[in-house]
Amino acid sequence: MNRPKRTERFRQYKTIAMSVANPTEGSERLNVPAQELTEAFEWVRTVQDLPANLLVAIYSTIWFQKVGAFRRLEDQSLAEERYHKELDTHRVILARLIAEGEEINLRARKMKISKLPSGSTLEDLESTLESLHLTSRRQYGPKNSSATNAAIMKIMDAA
């Protein structure tokens, strides 16, 4: 099978990516669920000769979309008053997002990438990761005992 040369394939990938990122005038912006986006880009794992920084850019772009979808689901779950019923699932998804983000962050750091071709920066990635870590600590981390809470309330009442 004749495969296009590496530079030609890169141009093809770039053209496809640009057409998705910049829909034609008058068309509506597509809203692709994060899981579908991930599945659509599974082929990336099989391509051996894509530049490493492009792979990190692709994975980070998909990851940012997943985080956005996760945050929207959190909001929807809170609005529909089912958040506490879904905490087990929330925790699993949150842990997976953190693990995936940490892996992308590690790869970017090892390659000394500060800005990705997608326009995202390492700081964007790290701050998004930190927001996920904060959510995890806040929701699932250690809680104060009732005695500690009572002492805090006593101090607050005195002030």
Foldseek 3Di string as FASTA:
>chain_A
DDDDDPVVVVVVVVVVVVCLVDPDPPDDRDDDQLVVLVVVCPCVVVDDDDDLLVVLVSLVVSLVRNLVNLVVVCVVCVVVVNNVVCVVVNLVSLVVSLVSLVVSLVSCVVVVFQAGPVGDGSVNSVVSSVVSVVVCCVPPNDDDDVVVVVVVVVVVVVD
